[in-house]
């Protein structure tokens, strides 16, 4: 019974995290430069997801770029490092990659 309660709690937490990704992107100011389906300063999330769709290790690569920033990948404007935890970066990366 205890394991069942833990499993249910974990699944609810995971569902809440996945649903919170757009809000997390807004809270971490990602939406200042990115949008789901159009380029602003940075690429659209759909374009990122399409580019990385067949890439092995895409989620880990994107987590690194979210945390550490990147340059010379989508144009001349570099993406600065972001003040996010590993868990937040992973949540954002999963969400971005789901935007195909």
C-alpha atoms as a PDB file:
ATOM      1  CA  UNK A   1       0.000   0.000   0.000  1.00  0.00           C
ATOM      2  CA  UNK A   2       2.795   2.391   0.903  1.00  0.00           C
ATOM      3  CA  UNK A   3       4.531   1.732  -2.433  1.00  0.00           C
ATOM      4  CA  UNK A   4       1.271   2.406  -4.270  1.00  0.00           C
ATOM      5  CA  UNK A   5       0.892   5.763  -2.545  1.00  0.00           C
ATOM      6  CA  UNK A   6       4.489   6.658  -3.402  1.00  0.00           C
ATOM      7  CA  UNK A   7       3.964   5.636  -7.028  1.00  0.00           C
ATOM      8  CA  UNK A   8       0.802   7.715  -7.311  1.00  0.00           C
ATOM      9  CA  UNK A   9       2.529  10.683  -5.704  1.00  0.00           C
ATOM     10  CA  UNK A  10       5.487  10.388  -8.068  1.00  0.00           C
ATOM     11  CA  UNK A  11       3.234  10.218 -11.128  1.00  0.00           C
ATOM     12  CA  UNK A  12       1.287  13.279  -9.990  1.00  0.00           C
ATOM     13  CA  UNK A  13       4.525  15.162  -9.418  1.00  0.00           C
ATOM     14  CA  UNK A  14       5.789  14.217 -12.875  1.00  0.00           C
ATOM     15  CA  UNK A  15       2.511  15.279 -14.476  1.00  0.00           C
ATOM     16  CA  UNK A  16       2.602  18.590 -12.622  1.00  0.00           C
ATOM     17  CA  UNK A  17       6.170  19.213 -13.715  1.00  0.00           C
ATOM     18  CA  UNK A  18       5.398  18.513 -17.370  1.00  0.00           C
ATOM     19  CA  UNK A  19       2.361  20.800 -17.320  1.00  0.00           C
ATOM     20  CA  UNK A  20       4.303  23.539 -15.554  1.00  0.00           C
ATOM     21  CA  UNK A  21       6.935  23.830 -18.285  1.00  0.00           C
ATOM     22  CA  UNK A  22       5.405  26.824 -20.115  1.00  0.00           C
ATOM     23  CA  UNK A  23       5.059  28.578 -16.776  1.00  0.00           C
ATOM     24  CA  UNK A  24       8.631  27.650 -15.872  1.00  0.00           C
ATOM     25  CA  UNK A  25       9.837  29.040 -19.212  1.00  0.00           C
ATOM     26  CA  UNK A  26       8.047  32.301 -18.436  1.00  0.00           C
ATOM     27  CA  UNK A  27       9.323  32.404 -14.851  1.00  0.00           C
ATOM     28  CA  UNK A  28      12.919  31.893 -16.008  1.00  0.00           C
ATOM     29  CA  UNK A  29      12.521  34.600 -18.684  1.00  0.00           C
ATOM     30  CA  UNK A  30      13.018  32.159 -21.576  1.00  0.00           C
ATOM     31  CA  UNK A  31       9.990  33.656 -23.323  1.00  0.00           C
ATOM     32  CA  UNK A  32      11.777  37.006 -23.548  1.00  0.00           C
ATOM     33  CA  UNK A  33      13.830  35.631 -26.446  1.00  0.00           C
ATOM     34  CA  UNK A  34      11.901  32.507 -27.507  1.00  0.00           C
ATOM     35  CA  UNK A  35       8.340  31.636 -28.510  1.00  0.00           C
ATOM     36  CA  UNK A  36       6.756  28.299 -29.293  1.00  0.00           C
ATOM     37  CA  UNK A  37       6.216  28.830 -32.997  1.00  0.00           C
ATOM     38  CA  UNK A  38       8.066  31.980 -34.079  1.00  0.00           C
ATOM     39  CA  UNK A  39      11.573  33.374 -33.905  1.00  0.00           C
ATOM     40  CA  UNK A  40      12.022  36.350 -31.617  1.00  0.00           C
ATOM     41  CA  UNK A  41      15.673  36.908 -30.667  1.00  0.00           C
ATOM     42  CA  UNK A  42      16.297  33.188 -30.356  1.00  0.00           C
ATOM     43  CA  UNK A  43      14.787  30.362 -32.373  1.00  0.00           C
ATOM     44  CA  UNK A  44      11.240  29.094 -31.932  1.00  0.00           C
ATOM     45  CA  UNK A  45      10.908  26.084 -29.653  1.00  0.00           C
ATOM     46  CA  UNK A  46       9.373  24.141 -32.556  1.00  0.00           C
ATOM     47  CA  UNK A  47      12.497  24.829 -34.633  1.00  0.00           C
ATOM     48  CA  UNK A  48      14.747  23.643 -31.810  1.00  0.00           C
ATOM     49  CA  UNK A  49      12.667  20.478 -31.415  1.00  0.00           C
ATOM     50  CA  UNK A  50      12.754  19.797 -35.166  1.00  0.00           C
ATOM     51  CA  UNK A  51      16.506  20.320 -35.372  1.00  0.00           C
ATOM     52  CA  UNK A  52      17.174  17.995 -32.445  1.00  0.00           C
ATOM     53  CA  UNK A  53      14.465  15.389 -33.211  1.00  0.00           C
ATOM     54  CA  UNK A  54      16.807  12.681 -34.518  1.00  0.00           C
ATOM     55  CA  UNK A  55      19.801  13.658 -32.405  1.00  0.00           C
ATOM     56  CA  UNK A  56      20.982  11.044 -29.940  1.00  0.00           C
ATOM     57  CA  UNK A  57      21.329  12.631 -26.500  1.00  0.00           C
ATOM     58  CA  UNK A  58      19.288  15.667 -27.537  1.00  0.00           C
ATOM     59  CA  UNK A  59      17.847  16.189 -24.071  1.00  0.00           C
ATOM     60  CA  UNK A  60      21.266  16.203 -22.384  1.00  0.00           C
ATOM     61  CA  UNK A  61      22.640  18.527 -25.064  1.00  0.00           C
ATOM     62  CA  UNK A  62      19.766  20.930 -24.585  1.00  0.00           C
ATOM     63  CA  UNK A  63      20.090  20.820 -20.782  1.00  0.00           C
ATOM     64  CA  UNK A  64      23.721  21.906 -21.192  1.00  0.00           C
ATOM     65  CA  UNK A  65      22.771  24.739 -23.530  1.00  0.00           C
ATOM     66  CA  UNK A  66      20.004  25.927 -21.206  1.00  0.00           C
ATOM     67  CA  UNK A  67      22.338  25.972 -18.208  1.00  0.00           C
ATOM     68  CA  UNK A  68      25.558  27.170 -19.870  1.00  0.00           C
ATOM     69  CA  UNK A  69      24.330  29.143 -22.863  1.00  0.00           C
ATOM     70  CA  UNK A  70      25.425  28.686 -26.458  1.00  0.00           C
ATOM     71  CA  UNK A  71      26.770  30.677 -29.371  1.00  0.00           C
ATOM     72  CA  UNK A  72      27.194  30.375 -33.122  1.00  0.00           C
ATOM     73  CA  UNK A  73      24.365  27.872 -33.449  1.00  0.00           C
ATOM     74  CA  UNK A  74      21.298  29.904 -34.393  1.00  0.00           C
ATOM     75  CA  UNK A  75      22.858  33.116 -35.609  1.00  0.00           C
ATOM     76  CA  UNK A  76      25.034  35.860 -34.244  1.00  0.00           C
ATOM     77  CA  UNK A  77      23.232  36.476 -30.943  1.00  0.00           C
ATOM     78  CA  UNK A  78      24.535  34.095 -28.249  1.00  0.00           C
ATOM     79  CA  UNK A  79      22.253  32.624 -25.611  1.00  0.00           C
ATOM     80  CA  UNK A  80      23.542  33.532 -22.157  1.00  0.00           C
ATOM     81  CA  UNK A  81      23.826  31.013 -19.308  1.00  0.00           C
ATOM     82  CA  UNK A  82      20.625  30.699 -17.293  1.00  0.00           C
ATOM     83  CA  UNK A  83      20.151  30.572 -13.551  1.00  0.00           C
ATOM     84  CA  UNK A  84      18.281  27.261 -13.427  1.00  0.00           C
ATOM     85  CA  UNK A  85      18.737  24.080 -11.437  1.00  0.00           C
ATOM     86  CA  UNK A  86      19.558  20.795 -13.147  1.00  0.00           C
ATOM     87  CA  UNK A  87      15.952  19.678 -12.584  1.00  0.00           C
ATOM     88  CA  UNK A  88      14.539  22.886 -14.065  1.00  0.00           C
ATOM     89  CA  UNK A  89      16.844  22.622 -17.089  1.00  0.00           C
ATOM     90  CA  UNK A  90      15.755  19.007 -17.625  1.00  0.00           C
ATOM     91  CA  UNK A  91      12.075  19.949 -17.368  1.00  0.00           C
ATOM     92  CA  UNK A  92      12.547  22.777 -19.855  1.00  0.00           C
ATOM     93  CA  UNK A  93      14.542  20.587 -22.255  1.00  0.00           C
ATOM     94  CA  UNK A  94      11.867  17.863 -22.249  1.00  0.00           C
ATOM     95  CA  UNK A  95       9.171  20.432 -22.856  1.00  0.00           C
ATOM     96  CA  UNK A  96      11.066  22.177 -25.669  1.00  0.00           C
ATOM     97  CA  UNK A  97      11.759  18.852 -27.389  1.00  0.00           C
ATOM     98  CA  UNK A  98       8.045  17.982 -27.195  1.00  0.00           C
ATOM     99  CA  UNK A  99       7.115  21.061 -29.250  1.00  0.00           C
ATOM    100  CA  UNK A 100       7.612  19.393 -32.667  1.00  0.00           C
END
